Amino acid sequence: MPVAPAHPILPTAADRERLKKTAYDHKTEYRLRVRAQVVLDAARGRSDAWIARETGLHLGTVRAWRGRFADGGLPAPADRKRSGRPARFTPVQVAEAKALACRLPAETGVPLSRWSCPDWPPS
């Protein structure tokens, strides 16, 4: 007797269409295509082990994405915010550094021979 999956997947017709578009559109990012395919396979009644074998994913990964979709619907399999060290620079500082890097050295008034970290910011 088959065992019912821990997280039954029952997408709405609209969700199924969006998942199909995501899974089969070659312009979609690869990781999102694979996640959509996992959810579609789960909706077809495939086991987590079968999906893992067919996609080459780890069984735990398949279980996680299936569970996220079952708990949160279509947006759930997207990447979650990751922990890590807080940003050291503000978005404004990052934008200023990128803008400076895109300028010619002659525009900054600092000679190319002196272009180094101690010269930041140019006076």
PDB file of N, CA and C in Angstrom:
ATOM      1  N   MET A   1       0.829  -1.175   0.000  1.00  0.00           N
ATOM      2  CA  MET A   1       0.000   0.000   0.000  1.00  0.00           C
ATOM      3  C   MET A   1       0.878   1.243   0.000  1.00  0.00           C
ATOM      4  N   PRO A   2       0.683   2.179  -0.960  1.00  0.00           N
ATOM      5  CA  PRO A   2       1.528   3.365  -1.016  1.00  0.00           C
ATOM      6  C   PRO A   2       1.315   4.268   0.189  1.00  0.00           C
ATOM      7  N   VAL A   3       2.386   4.886   0.601  1.00  0.00           N
ATOM      8  CA  VAL A   3       2.342   5.805   1.733  1.00  0.00           C
ATOM      9  C   VAL A   3       2.067   7.206   1.200  1.00  0.00           C
ATOM     10  N   ALA A   4       1.129   7.902   1.827  1.00  0.00           N
ATOM     11  CA  ALA A   4       0.805   9.274   1.433  1.00  0.00           C
ATOM     12  C   ALA A   4       1.979  10.180   1.774  1.00  0.00           C
ATOM     13  N   PRO A   5       2.345  11.110   0.884  1.00  0.00           N
ATOM     14  CA  PRO A   5       3.451  12.013   1.187  1.00  0.00           C
ATOM     15  C   PRO A   5       3.116  12.907   2.368  1.00  0.00           C
ATOM     16  N   ALA A   6       4.158  13.351   3.043  1.00  0.00           N
ATOM     17  CA  ALA A   6       3.974  14.198   4.221  1.00  0.00           C
ATOM     18  C   ALA A   6       3.305  15.517   3.864  1.00  0.00           C
ATOM     19  N   HIS A   7       3.568  16.003   2.675  1.00  0.00           N
ATOM     20  CA  HIS A   7       3.020  17.287   2.243  1.00  0.00           C
ATOM     21  C   HIS A   7       2.299  17.111   0.912  1.00  0.00           C
ATOM     22  N   PRO A   8       0.994  16.886   0.950  1.00  0.00           N
ATOM     23  CA  PRO A   8       0.285  16.758  -0.326  1.00  0.00           C
ATOM     24  C   PRO A   8       0.292  18.093  -1.079  1.00  0.00           C
ATOM     25  N   ILE A   9       0.498  18.017  -2.373  1.00  0.00           N
ATOM     26  CA  ILE A   9       0.582  19.207  -3.205  1.00  0.00           C
ATOM     27  C   ILE A   9      -0.671  19.289  -4.065  1.00  0.00           C
ATOM     28  N   LEU A  10      -1.439  20.351  -3.889  1.00  0.00           N
ATOM     29  CA  LEU A  10      -2.667  20.556  -4.649  1.00  0.00           C
ATOM     30  C   LEU A  10      -2.697  21.983  -5.189  1.00  0.00           C
ATOM     31  N   PRO A  11      -1.928  22.265  -6.256  1.00  0.00           N
ATOM     32  CA  PRO A  11      -1.930  23.633  -6.788  1.00  0.00           C
ATOM     33  C   PRO A  11      -3.241  23.948  -7.501  1.00  0.00           C
ATOM     34  N   THR A  12      -3.610  25.200  -7.459  1.00  0.00           N
ATOM     35  CA  THR A  12      -4.790  25.641  -8.211  1.00  0.00           C
ATOM     36  C   THR A  12      -4.451  25.583  -9.699  1.00  0.00           C
ATOM     37  N   ALA A  13      -5.452  25.703 -10.544  1.00  0.00           N
ATOM     38  CA  ALA A  13      -5.224  25.685 -11.991  1.00  0.00           C
ATOM     39  C   ALA A  13      -4.299  26.832 -12.406  1.00  0.00           C
ATOM     40  N   ALA A  14      -4.492  27.987 -11.812  1.00  0.00           N
ATOM     41  CA  ALA A  14      -3.647  29.143 -12.137  1.00  0.00           C
ATOM     42  C   ALA A  14      -2.207  28.900 -11.680  1.00  0.00           C
ATOM     43  N   ASP A  15      -2.035  28.345 -10.474  1.00  0.00           N
ATOM     44  CA  ASP A  15      -0.694  28.028  -9.984  1.00  0.00           C
ATOM     45  C   ASP A  15      -0.022  26.990 -10.879  1.00  0.00           C
ATOM     46  N   ARG A  16      -0.777  25.992 -11.299  1.00  0.00           N
ATOM     47  CA  ARG A  16      -0.224  24.937 -12.152  1.00  0.00           C
ATOM     48  C   ARG A  16       0.278  25.536 -13.484  1.00  0.00           C
ATOM     49  N   GLU A  17      -0.493  26.469 -14.047  1.00  0.00           N
ATOM     50  CA  GLU A  17      -0.086  27.098 -15.297  1.00  0.00           C
ATOM     51  C   GLU A  17       1.194  27.917 -15.111  1.00  0.00           C
ATOM     52  N   ARG A  18       1.268  28.670 -14.009  1.00  0.00           N
ATOM     53  CA  ARG A  18       2.473  29.456 -13.737  1.00  0.00           C
ATOM     54  C   ARG A  18       3.673  28.547 -13.501  1.00  0.00           C
ATOM     55  N   LEU A  19       3.448  27.428 -12.801  1.00  0.00           N
ATOM     56  CA  LEU A  19       4.533  26.466 -12.569  1.00  0.00           C
ATOM     57  C   LEU A  19       5.017  25.859 -13.881  1.00  0.00           C
ATOM     58  N   LYS A  20       4.077  25.513 -14.762  1.00  0.00           N
ATOM     59  CA  LYS A  20       4.461  24.948 -16.063  1.00  0.00           C
ATOM     60  C   LYS A  20       5.263  25.955 -16.866  1.00  0.00           C
ATOM     61  N   LYS A  21       4.808  27.202 -16.862  1.00  0.00           N
ATOM     62  CA  LYS A  21       5.526  28.243 -17.596  1.00  0.00           C
ATOM     63  C   LYS A  21       6.939  28.403 -17.038  1.00  0.00           C
ATOM     64  N   THR A  22       7.061  28.397 -15.724  1.00  0.00           N
ATOM     65  CA  THR A  22       8.368  28.529 -15.084  1.00  0.00           C
ATOM     66  C   THR A  22       9.248  27.321 -15.386  1.00  0.00           C
ATOM     67  N   ALA A  23       8.669  26.128 -15.317  1.00  0.00           N
ATOM     68  CA  ALA A  23       9.445  24.905 -15.489  1.00  0.00           C
ATOM     69  C   ALA A  23       9.925  24.696 -16.917  1.00  0.00           C
ATOM     70  N   TYR A  24       9.178  25.173 -17.899  1.00  0.00           N
ATOM     71  CA  TYR A  24       9.510  24.878 -19.290  1.00  0.00           C
ATOM     72  C   TYR A  24       9.993  26.073 -20.094  1.00  0.00           C
ATOM     73  N   ASP A  25      10.053  27.244 -19.480  1.00  0.00           N
ATOM     74  CA  ASP A  25      10.523  28.438 -20.179  1.00  0.00           C
ATOM     75  C   ASP A  25      12.048  28.489 -20.092  1.00  0.00           C
ATOM     76  N   HIS A  26      12.709  28.534 -21.230  1.00  0.00           N
ATOM     77  CA  HIS A  26      14.169  28.510 -21.252  1.00  0.00           C
ATOM     78  C   HIS A  26      14.785  29.825 -20.800  1.00  0.00           C
ATOM     79  N   LYS A  27      13.981  30.848 -20.661  1.00  0.00           N
ATOM     80  CA  LYS A  27      14.497  32.132 -20.183  1.00  0.00           C
ATOM     81  C   LYS A  27      14.474  32.215 -18.656  1.00  0.00           C
ATOM     82  N   THR A  28      13.813  31.252 -18.023  1.00  0.00           N
ATOM     83  CA  THR A  28      13.731  31.239 -16.565  1.00  0.00           C
ATOM     84  C   THR A  28      15.056  30.756 -15.988  1.00  0.00           C
ATOM     85  N   GLU A  29      15.446  31.345 -14.885  1.00  0.00           N
ATOM     86  CA  GLU A  29      16.663  30.947 -14.196  1.00  0.00           C
ATOM     87  C   GLU A  29      16.601  29.451 -13.873  1.00  0.00           C
ATOM     88  N   TYR A  30      17.710  28.743 -14.032  1.00  0.00           N
ATOM     89  CA  TYR A  30      17.737  27.285 -13.899  1.00  0.00           C
ATOM     90  C   TYR A  30      17.190  26.815 -12.552  1.00  0.00           C
ATOM     91  N   ARG A  31      17.642  27.415 -11.468  1.00  0.00           N
ATOM     92  CA  ARG A  31      17.219  26.945 -10.141  1.00  0.00           C
ATOM     93  C   ARG A  31      15.711  27.086  -9.942  1.00  0.00           C
ATOM     94  N   LEU A  32      15.120  28.140 -10.529  1.00  0.00           N
ATOM     95  CA  LEU A  32      13.674  28.311 -10.414  1.00  0.00           C
ATOM     96  C   LEU A  32      12.934  27.290 -11.276  1.00  0.00           C
ATOM     97  N   ARG A  33      13.520  26.951 -12.432  1.00  0.00           N
ATOM     98  CA  ARG A  33      12.915  25.921 -13.280  1.00  0.00           C
ATOM     99  C   ARG A  33      12.899  24.583 -12.569  1.00  0.00           C
ATOM    100  N   VAL A  34      13.997  24.239 -11.913  1.00  0.00           N
ATOM    101  CA  VAL A  34      14.075  22.957 -11.200  1.00  0.00           C
ATOM    102  C   VAL A  34      13.073  22.926 -10.056  1.00  0.00           C
ATOM    103  N   ARG A  35      12.943  24.014  -9.322  1.00  0.00           N
ATOM    104  CA  ARG A  35      11.988  24.056  -8.213  1.00  0.00           C
ATOM    105  C   ARG A  35      10.559  23.895  -8.716  1.00  0.00           C
ATOM    106  N   ALA A  36      10.245  24.562  -9.811  1.00  0.00           N
ATOM    107  CA  ALA A  36       8.901  24.429 -10.376  1.00  0.00           C
ATOM    108  C   ALA A  36       8.654  22.995 -10.818  1.00  0.00           C
ATOM    109  N   GLN A  37       9.666  22.356 -11.399  1.00  0.00           N
ATOM    110  CA  GLN A  37       9.517  20.963 -11.829  1.00  0.00           C
ATOM    111  C   GLN A  37       9.307  20.039 -10.633  1.00  0.00           C
ATOM    112  N   VAL A  38       9.986  20.301  -9.532  1.00  0.00           N
ATOM    113  CA  VAL A  38       9.804  19.510  -8.316  1.00  0.00           C
ATOM    114  C   VAL A  38       8.357  19.608  -7.847  1.00  0.00           C
ATOM    115  N   VAL A  39       7.818  20.815  -7.820  1.00  0.00           N
ATOM    116  CA  VAL A  39       6.440  21.011  -7.356  1.00  0.00           C
ATOM    117  C   VAL A  39       5.451  20.346  -8.312  1.00  0.00           C
ATOM    118  N   LEU A  40       5.694  20.459  -9.620  1.00  0.00           N
ATOM    119  CA  LEU A  40       4.797  19.811 -10.587  1.00  0.00           C
ATOM    120  C   LEU A  40       4.835  18.295 -10.447  1.00  0.00           C
ATOM    121  N   ASP A  41       6.023  17.740 -10.284  1.00  0.00           N
ATOM    122  CA  ASP A  41       6.131  16.290 -10.092  1.00  0.00           C
ATOM    123  C   ASP A  41       5.426  15.856  -8.812  1.00  0.00           C
ATOM    124  N   ALA A  42       5.555  16.654  -7.760  1.00  0.00           N
ATOM    125  CA  ALA A  42       4.880  16.332  -6.498  1.00  0.00           C
ATOM    126  C   ALA A  42       3.372  16.397  -6.673  1.00  0.00           C
ATOM    127  N   ALA A  43       2.896  17.359  -7.455  1.00  0.00           N
ATOM    128  CA  ALA A  43       1.455  17.485  -7.698  1.00  0.00           C
ATOM    129  C   ALA A  43       0.928  16.300  -8.503  1.00  0.00           C
ATOM    130  N   ARG A  44       1.789  15.684  -9.305  1.00  0.00           N
ATOM    131  CA  ARG A  44       1.395  14.497 -10.076  1.00  0.00           C
ATOM    132  C   ARG A  44       1.415  13.229  -9.232  1.00  0.00           C
ATOM    133  N   GLY A  45       1.788  13.371  -7.967  1.00  0.00           N
ATOM    134  CA  GLY A  45       1.771  12.221  -7.059  1.00  0.00           C
ATOM    135  C   GLY A  45       3.091  11.480  -6.982  1.00  0.00           C
ATOM    136  N   ARG A  46       4.145  12.035  -7.553  1.00  0.00           N
ATOM    137  CA  ARG A  46       5.449  11.375  -7.501  1.00  0.00           C
ATOM    138  C   ARG A  46       6.009  11.463  -6.082  1.00  0.00           C
ATOM    139  N   SER A  47       6.756  10.452  -5.696  1.00  0.00           N
ATOM    140  CA  SER A  47       7.358  10.437  -4.359  1.00  0.00           C
ATOM    141  C   SER A  47       8.580  11.353  -4.340  1.00  0.00           C
ATOM    142  N   ASP A  48       8.966  11.767  -3.141  1.00  0.00           N
ATOM    143  CA  ASP A  48      10.153  12.602  -2.995  1.00  0.00           C
ATOM    144  C   ASP A  48      11.389  11.876  -3.518  1.00  0.00           C
ATOM    145  N   ALA A  49      11.495  10.577  -3.221  1.00  0.00           N
ATOM    146  CA  ALA A  49      12.650   9.793  -3.677  1.00  0.00           C
ATOM    147  C   ALA A  49      12.706   9.744  -5.205  1.00  0.00           C
ATOM    148  N   TRP A  50      11.560   9.571  -5.853  1.00  0.00           N
ATOM    149  CA  TRP A  50      11.522   9.527  -7.318  1.00  0.00           C
ATOM    150  C   TRP A  50      11.963  10.865  -7.900  1.00  0.00           C
ATOM    151  N   ILE A  51      11.432  11.948  -7.332  1.00  0.00           N
ATOM    152  CA  ILE A  51      11.781  13.291  -7.814  1.00  0.00           C
ATOM    153  C   ILE A  51      13.278  13.541  -7.632  1.00  0.00           C
ATOM    154  N   ALA A  52      13.814  13.145  -6.486  1.00  0.00           N
ATOM    155  CA  ALA A  52      15.247  13.338  -6.229  1.00  0.00           C
ATOM    156  C   ALA A  52      16.086  12.572  -7.247  1.00  0.00           C
ATOM    157  N   ARG A  53      15.721  11.350  -7.537  1.00  0.00           N
ATOM    158  CA  ARG A  53      16.460  10.565  -8.529  1.00  0.00           C
ATOM    159  C   ARG A  53      16.392  11.203  -9.910  1.00  0.00           C
ATOM    160  N   GLU A  54      15.194  11.626 -10.316  1.00  0.00           N
ATOM    161  CA  GLU A  54      15.006  12.176 -11.663  1.00  0.00           C
ATOM    162  C   GLU A  54      15.694  13.525 -11.853  1.00  0.00           C
ATOM    163  N   THR A  55      15.709  14.337 -10.831  1.00  0.00           N
ATOM    164  CA  THR A  55      16.280  15.682 -10.947  1.00  0.00           C
ATOM    165  C   THR A  55      17.751  15.738 -10.538  1.00  0.00           C
ATOM    166  N   GLY A  56      18.215  14.726  -9.827  1.00  0.00           N
ATOM    167  CA  GLY A  56      19.588  14.737  -9.341  1.00  0.00           C
ATOM    168  C   GLY A  56      19.772  15.584  -8.103  1.00  0.00           C
ATOM    169  N   LEU A  57      18.659  15.948  -7.476  1.00  0.00           N
ATOM    170  CA  LEU A  57      18.720  16.752  -6.253  1.00  0.00           C
ATOM    171  C   LEU A  57      18.830  15.844  -5.037  1.00  0.00           C
ATOM    172  N   HIS A  58      19.259  16.408  -3.942  1.00  0.00           N
ATOM    173  CA  HIS A  58      19.292  15.690  -2.671  1.00  0.00           C
ATOM    174  C   HIS A  58      17.858  15.509  -2.182  1.00  0.00           C
ATOM    175  N   LEU A  59      17.583  14.384  -1.569  1.00  0.00           N
ATOM    176  CA  LEU A  59      16.238  14.095  -1.076  1.00  0.00           C
ATOM    177  C   LEU A  59      15.750  15.171  -0.103  1.00  0.00           C
ATOM    178  N   GLY A  60      16.631  15.654   0.743  1.00  0.00           N
ATOM    179  CA  GLY A  60      16.256  16.710   1.689  1.00  0.00           C
ATOM    180  C   GLY A  60      15.847  18.006   0.994  1.00  0.00           C
ATOM    181  N   THR A  61      16.488  18.297  -0.127  1.00  0.00           N
ATOM    182  CA  THR A  61      16.146  19.494  -0.897  1.00  0.00           C
ATOM    183  C   THR A  61      14.750  19.362  -1.475  1.00  0.00           C
ATOM    184  N   VAL A  62      14.452  18.191  -2.029  1.00  0.00           N
ATOM    185  CA  VAL A  62      13.115  17.952  -2.585  1.00  0.00           C
ATOM    186  C   VAL A  62      12.064  18.069  -1.481  1.00  0.00           C
ATOM    187  N   ARG A  63      12.329  17.476  -0.350  1.00  0.00           N
ATOM    188  CA  ARG A  63      11.377  17.556   0.775  1.00  0.00           C
ATOM    189  C   ARG A  63      11.170  18.995   1.223  1.00  0.00           C
ATOM    190  N   ALA A  64      12.256  19.759   1.267  1.00  0.00           N
ATOM    191  CA  ALA A  64      12.153  21.160   1.704  1.00  0.00           C
ATOM    192  C   ALA A  64      11.278  21.962   0.746  1.00  0.00           C
ATOM    193  N   TRP A  65      11.519  21.839  -0.568  1.00  0.00           N
ATOM    194  CA  TRP A  65      10.742  22.626  -1.535  1.00  0.00           C
ATOM    195  C   TRP A  65       9.298  22.172  -1.581  1.00  0.00           C
ATOM    196  N   ARG A  66       9.068  20.872  -1.447  1.00  0.00           N
ATOM    197  CA  ARG A  66       7.692  20.360  -1.419  1.00  0.00           C
ATOM    198  C   ARG A  66       6.974  20.912  -0.179  1.00  0.00           C
ATOM    199  N   GLY A  67       7.646  20.890   0.941  1.00  0.00           N
ATOM    200  CA  GLY A  67       7.057  21.398   2.181  1.00  0.00           C
ATOM    201  C   GLY A  67       6.796  22.886   2.131  1.00  0.00           C
ATOM    202  N   ARG A  68       7.729  23.645   1.547  1.00  0.00           N
ATOM    203  CA  ARG A  68       7.530  25.092   1.443  1.00  0.00           C
ATOM    204  C   ARG A  68       6.322  25.422   0.572  1.00  0.00           C
ATOM    205  N   PHE A  69       6.172  24.695  -0.546  1.00  0.00           N
ATOM    206  CA  PHE A  69       5.020  24.953  -1.403  1.00  0.00           C
ATOM    207  C   PHE A  69       3.732  24.570  -0.684  1.00  0.00           C
ATOM    208  N   ALA A  70       3.728  23.437   0.003  1.00  0.00           N
ATOM    209  CA  ALA A  70       2.528  22.992   0.712  1.00  0.00           C
ATOM    210  C   ALA A  70       2.140  23.997   1.800  1.00  0.00           C
ATOM    211  N   ASP A  71       3.135  24.592   2.444  1.00  0.00           N
ATOM    212  CA  ASP A  71       2.856  25.542   3.532  1.00  0.00           C
ATOM    213  C   ASP A  71       2.556  26.953   3.052  1.00  0.00           C
ATOM    214  N   GLY A  72       3.205  27.383   1.950  1.00  0.00           N
ATOM    215  CA  GLY A  72       3.093  28.784   1.572  1.00  0.00           C
ATOM    216  C   GLY A  72       2.629  29.072   0.166  1.00  0.00           C
ATOM    217  N   GLY A  73       2.349  28.054  -0.622  1.00  0.00           N
ATOM    218  CA  GLY A  73       1.868  28.293  -1.979  1.00  0.00           C
ATOM    219  C   GLY A  73       2.970  28.652  -2.944  1.00  0.00           C
ATOM    220  N   LEU A  74       2.610  29.292  -4.023  1.00  0.00           N
ATOM    221  CA  LEU A  74       3.517  29.543  -5.140  1.00  0.00           C
ATOM    222  C   LEU A  74       4.773  30.343  -4.799  1.00  0.00           C
ATOM    223  N   PRO A  75       4.715  31.418  -4.020  1.00  0.00           N
ATOM    224  CA  PRO A  75       5.953  32.166  -3.775  1.00  0.00           C
ATOM    225  C   PRO A  75       6.916  31.469  -2.821  1.00  0.00           C
ATOM    226  N   ALA A  76       6.462  30.450  -2.112  1.00  0.00           N
ATOM    227  CA  ALA A  76       7.263  29.845  -1.057  1.00  0.00           C
ATOM    228  C   ALA A  76       8.569  29.198  -1.512  1.00  0.00           C
ATOM    229  N   PRO A  77       8.635  28.519  -2.666  1.00  0.00           N
ATOM    230  CA  PRO A  77       9.916  27.893  -3.019  1.00  0.00           C
ATOM    231  C   PRO A  77      11.026  28.865  -3.417  1.00  0.00           C
ATOM    232  N   ALA A  78      10.775  30.143  -3.408  1.00  0.00           N
ATOM    233  CA  ALA A  78      11.824  31.111  -3.730  1.00  0.00           C
ATOM    234  C   ALA A  78      12.882  31.112  -2.629  1.00  0.00           C
ATOM    235  N   ASP A  79      14.035  31.695  -2.922  1.00  0.00           N
ATOM    236  CA  ASP A  79      15.102  31.757  -1.932  1.00  0.00           C
ATOM    237  C   ASP A  79      14.647  32.539  -0.712  1.00  0.00           C
ATOM    238  N   ARG A  80      15.054  32.042   0.433  1.00  0.00           N
ATOM    239  CA  ARG A  80      14.764  32.759   1.670  1.00  0.00           C
ATOM    240  C   ARG A  80      15.932  33.679   1.998  1.00  0.00           C
ATOM    241  N   LYS A  81      15.663  34.646   2.848  1.00  0.00           N
ATOM    242  CA  LYS A  81      16.725  35.549   3.287  1.00  0.00           C
ATOM    243  C   LYS A  81      17.744  34.717   4.055  1.00  0.00           C
ATOM    244  N   ARG A  82      18.977  34.912   3.724  1.00  0.00           N
ATOM    245  CA  ARG A  82      20.041  34.142   4.355  1.00  0.00           C
ATOM    246  C   ARG A  82      20.681  34.931   5.486  1.00  0.00           C
ATOM    247  N   SER A  83      21.145  34.199   6.466  1.00  0.00           N
ATOM    248  CA  SER A  83      21.838  34.845   7.568  1.00  0.00           C
ATOM    249  C   SER A  83      23.256  35.151   7.114  1.00  0.00           C
ATOM    250  N   GLY A  84      23.907  35.921   7.862  1.00  0.00           N
ATOM    251  CA  GLY A  84      25.287  36.255   7.523  1.00  0.00           C
ATOM    252  C   GLY A  84      25.692  37.548   8.188  1.00  0.00           C
ATOM    253  N   ARG A  85      26.910  37.919   7.934  1.00  0.00           N
ATOM    254  CA  ARG A  85      27.434  39.134   8.526  1.00  0.00           C
ATOM    255  C   ARG A  85      26.676  40.329   7.978  1.00  0.00           C
ATOM    256  N   PRO A  86      26.323  41.268   8.834  1.00  0.00           N
ATOM    257  CA  PRO A  86      25.640  42.474   8.354  1.00  0.00           C
ATOM    258  C   PRO A  86      26.529  43.231   7.369  1.00  0.00           C
ATOM    259  N   ALA A  87      25.919  43.966   6.482  1.00  0.00           N
ATOM    260  CA  ALA A  87      26.659  44.739   5.495  1.00  0.00           C
ATOM    261  C   ALA A  87      27.537  45.769   6.191  1.00  0.00           C
ATOM    262  N   ARG A  88      28.742  45.929   5.676  1.00  0.00           N
ATOM    263  CA  ARG A  88      29.661  46.911   6.264  1.00  0.00           C
ATOM    264  C   ARG A  88      29.498  48.276   5.620  1.00  0.00           C
ATOM    265  N   PHE A  89      28.944  48.291   4.428  1.00  0.00           N
ATOM    266  CA  PHE A  89      28.782  49.549   3.701  1.00  0.00           C
ATOM    267  C   PHE A  89      27.302  49.775   3.413  1.00  0.00           C
ATOM    268  N   THR A  90      26.908  51.023   3.456  1.00  0.00           N
ATOM    269  CA  THR A  90      25.523  51.354   3.145  1.00  0.00           C
ATOM    270  C   THR A  90      25.333  51.278   1.627  1.00  0.00           C
ATOM    271  N   PRO A  91      24.101  51.147   1.164  1.00  0.00           N
ATOM    272  CA  PRO A  91      23.870  51.152  -0.287  1.00  0.00           C
ATOM    273  C   PRO A  91      24.390  52.421  -0.968  1.00  0.00           C
ATOM    274  N   VAL A  92      24.346  53.553  -0.264  1.00  0.00           N
ATOM    275  CA  VAL A  92      24.853  54.806  -0.833  1.00  0.00           C
ATOM    276  C   VAL A  92      26.375  54.726  -1.016  1.00  0.00           C
ATOM    277  N   GLN A  93      27.073  54.177  -0.020  1.00  0.00           N
ATOM    278  CA  GLN A  93      28.525  54.039  -0.130  1.00  0.00           C
ATOM    279  C   GLN A  93      28.902  53.105  -1.279  1.00  0.00           C
ATOM    280  N   VAL A  94      28.157  52.030  -1.454  1.00  0.00           N
ATOM    281  CA  VAL A  94      28.412  51.089  -2.543  1.00  0.00           C
ATOM    282  C   VAL A  94      28.212  51.793  -3.886  1.00  0.00           C
ATOM    283  N   ALA A  95      27.133  52.552  -4.004  1.00  0.00           N
ATOM    284  CA  ALA A  95      26.860  53.273  -5.254  1.00  0.00           C
ATOM    285  C   ALA A  95      27.960  54.302  -5.537  1.00  0.00           C
ATOM    286  N   GLU A  96      28.441  55.000  -4.502  1.00  0.00           N
ATOM    287  CA  GLU A  96      29.512  55.978  -4.689  1.00  0.00           C
ATOM    288  C   GLU A  96      30.798  55.312  -5.156  1.00  0.00           C
ATOM    289  N   ALA A  97      31.122  54.164  -4.565  1.00  0.00           N
ATOM    290  CA  ALA A  97      32.340  53.448  -4.963  1.00  0.00           C
ATOM    291  C   ALA A  97      32.236  52.962  -6.406  1.00  0.00           C
ATOM    292  N   LYS A  98      31.071  52.465  -6.797  1.00  0.00           N
ATOM    293  CA  LYS A  98      30.881  52.014  -8.186  1.00  0.00           C
ATOM    294  C   LYS A  98      30.960  53.181  -9.154  1.00  0.00           C
ATOM    295  N   ALA A  99      30.388  54.306  -8.770  1.00  0.00           N
ATOM    296  CA  ALA A  99      30.442  55.484  -9.635  1.00  0.00           C
ATOM    297  C   ALA A  99      31.880  55.950  -9.803  1.00  0.00           C
ATOM    298  N   LEU A 100      32.658  55.935  -8.733  1.00  0.00           N
ATOM    299  CA  LEU A 100      34.057  56.345  -8.805  1.00  0.00           C
ATOM    300  C   LEU A 100      34.848  55.368  -9.673  1.00  0.00           C
ATOM    301  N   ALA A 101      34.579  54.084  -9.535  1.00  0.00           N
ATOM    302  CA  ALA A 101      35.305  53.076 -10.310  1.00  0.00           C
ATOM    303  C   ALA A 101      35.023  53.202 -11.806  1.00  0.00           C
ATOM    304  N   CYS A 102      33.885  53.742 -12.148  1.00  0.00           N
ATOM    305  CA  CYS A 102      33.511  53.886 -13.558  1.00  0.00           C
ATOM    306  C   CYS A 102      34.034  55.185 -14.182  1.00  0.00           C
ATOM    307  N   ARG A 103      34.627  56.034 -13.376  1.00  0.00           N
ATOM    308  CA  ARG A 103      35.146  57.297 -13.894  1.00  0.00           C
ATOM    309  C   ARG A 103      36.603  57.136 -14.317  1.00  0.00           C
ATOM    310  N   LEU A 104      37.022  57.952 -15.261  1.00  0.00           N
ATOM    311  CA  LEU A 104      38.424  57.957 -15.666  1.00  0.00           C
ATOM    312  C   LEU A 104      39.255  58.622 -14.570  1.00  0.00           C
ATOM    313  N   PRO A 105      40.486  58.140 -14.353  1.00  0.00           N
ATOM    314  CA  PRO A 105      41.330  58.760 -13.315  1.00  0.00           C
ATOM    315  C   PRO A 105      41.531  60.258 -13.525  1.00  0.00           C
ATOM    316  N   ALA A 106      41.588  60.707 -14.764  1.00  0.00           N
ATOM    317  CA  ALA A 106      41.777  62.137 -15.038  1.00  0.00           C
ATOM    318  C   ALA A 106      40.596  62.961 -14.533  1.00  0.00           C
ATOM    319  N   GLU A 107      39.414  62.383 -14.488  1.00  0.00           N
ATOM    320  CA  GLU A 107      38.230  63.109 -14.018  1.00  0.00           C
ATOM    321  C   GLU A 107      38.247  63.330 -12.511  1.00  0.00           C
ATOM    322  N   THR A 108      38.997  62.517 -11.784  1.00  0.00           N
ATOM    323  CA  THR A 108      39.000  62.615 -10.320  1.00  0.00           C
ATOM    324  C   THR A 108      40.052  63.583  -9.807  1.00  0.00           C
ATOM    325  N   GLY A 109      41.034  63.915 -10.678  1.00  0.00           N
ATOM    326  CA  GLY A 109      42.097  64.813 -10.237  1.00  0.00           C
ATOM    327  C   GLY A 109      43.217  64.083  -9.527  1.00  0.00           C
ATOM    328  N   VAL A 110      43.153  62.783  -9.439  1.00  0.00           N
ATOM    329  CA  VAL A 110      44.203  61.991  -8.803  1.00  0.00           C
ATOM    330  C   VAL A 110      44.969  61.273  -9.909  1.00  0.00           C
ATOM    331  N   PRO A 111      46.313  61.415  -9.950  1.00  0.00           N
ATOM    332  CA  PRO A 111      47.074  60.751 -11.002  1.00  0.00           C
ATOM    333  C   PRO A 111      46.958  59.228 -10.876  1.00  0.00           C
ATOM    334  N   LEU A 112      47.054  58.563 -12.006  1.00  0.00           N
ATOM    335  CA  LEU A 112      46.924  57.107 -12.044  1.00  0.00           C
ATOM    336  C   LEU A 112      47.959  56.430 -11.164  1.00  0.00           C
ATOM    337  N   SER A 113      49.154  57.007 -11.058  1.00  0.00           N
ATOM    338  CA  SER A 113      50.218  56.401 -10.248  1.00  0.00           C
ATOM    339  C   SER A 113      49.886  56.421  -8.764  1.00  0.00           C
ATOM    340  N   ARG A 114      48.958  57.258  -8.347  1.00  0.00           N
ATOM    341  CA  ARG A 114      48.616  57.347  -6.926  1.00  0.00           C
ATOM    342  C   ARG A 114      47.226  56.781  -6.644  1.00  0.00           C
ATOM    343  N   TRP A 115      46.673  55.998  -7.537  1.00  0.00           N
ATOM    344  CA  TRP A 115      45.318  55.469  -7.392  1.00  0.00           C
ATOM    345  C   TRP A 115      45.366  54.282  -6.436  1.00  0.00           C
ATOM    346  N   SER A 116      45.093  54.519  -5.177  1.00  0.00           N
ATOM    347  CA  SER A 116      45.129  53.449  -4.185  1.00  0.00           C
ATOM    348  C   SER A 116      44.151  53.778  -3.067  1.00  0.00           C
ATOM    349  N   CYS A 117      43.992  52.845  -2.164  1.00  0.00           N
ATOM    350  CA  CYS A 117      43.020  53.014  -1.077  1.00  0.00           C
ATOM    351  C   CYS A 117      43.287  54.231  -0.209  1.00  0.00           C
ATOM    352  N   PRO A 118      44.550  54.548   0.143  1.00  0.00           N
ATOM    353  CA  PRO A 118      44.770  55.736   0.986  1.00  0.00           C
ATOM    354  C   PRO A 118      44.317  57.029   0.318  1.00  0.00           C
ATOM    355  N   ASP A 119      44.196  57.029  -1.002  1.00  0.00           N
ATOM    356  CA  ASP A 119      43.761  58.242  -1.699  1.00  0.00           C
ATOM    357  C   ASP A 119      42.256  58.414  -1.699  1.00  0.00           C
ATOM    358  N   TRP A 120      41.514  57.497  -1.136  1.00  0.00           N
ATOM    359  CA  TRP A 120      40.041  57.572  -1.109  1.00  0.00           C
ATOM    360  C   TRP A 120      39.605  58.337   0.114  1.00  0.00           C
ATOM    361  N   PRO A 121      38.703  59.197   0.102  1.00  0.00           N
ATOM    362  CA  PRO A 121      38.096  59.778  -1.094  1.00  0.00           C
ATOM    363  C   PRO A 121      39.003  60.837  -1.665  1.00  0.00           C
ATOM    364  N   PRO A 122      38.916  61.048  -2.984  1.00  0.00           N
ATOM    365  CA  PRO A 122      39.778  62.076  -3.577  1.00  0.00           C
ATOM    366  C   PRO A 122      39.388  63.452  -3.054  1.00  0.00           C
ATOM    367  N   SER A 123      40.403  64.269  -2.822  1.00  0.00           N
ATOM    368  CA  SER A 123      40.102  65.603  -2.256  1.00  0.00           C
ATOM    369  C   SER A 123      39.921  66.649  -3.312  1.00  0.00           C
TER     370      SER A 123
END
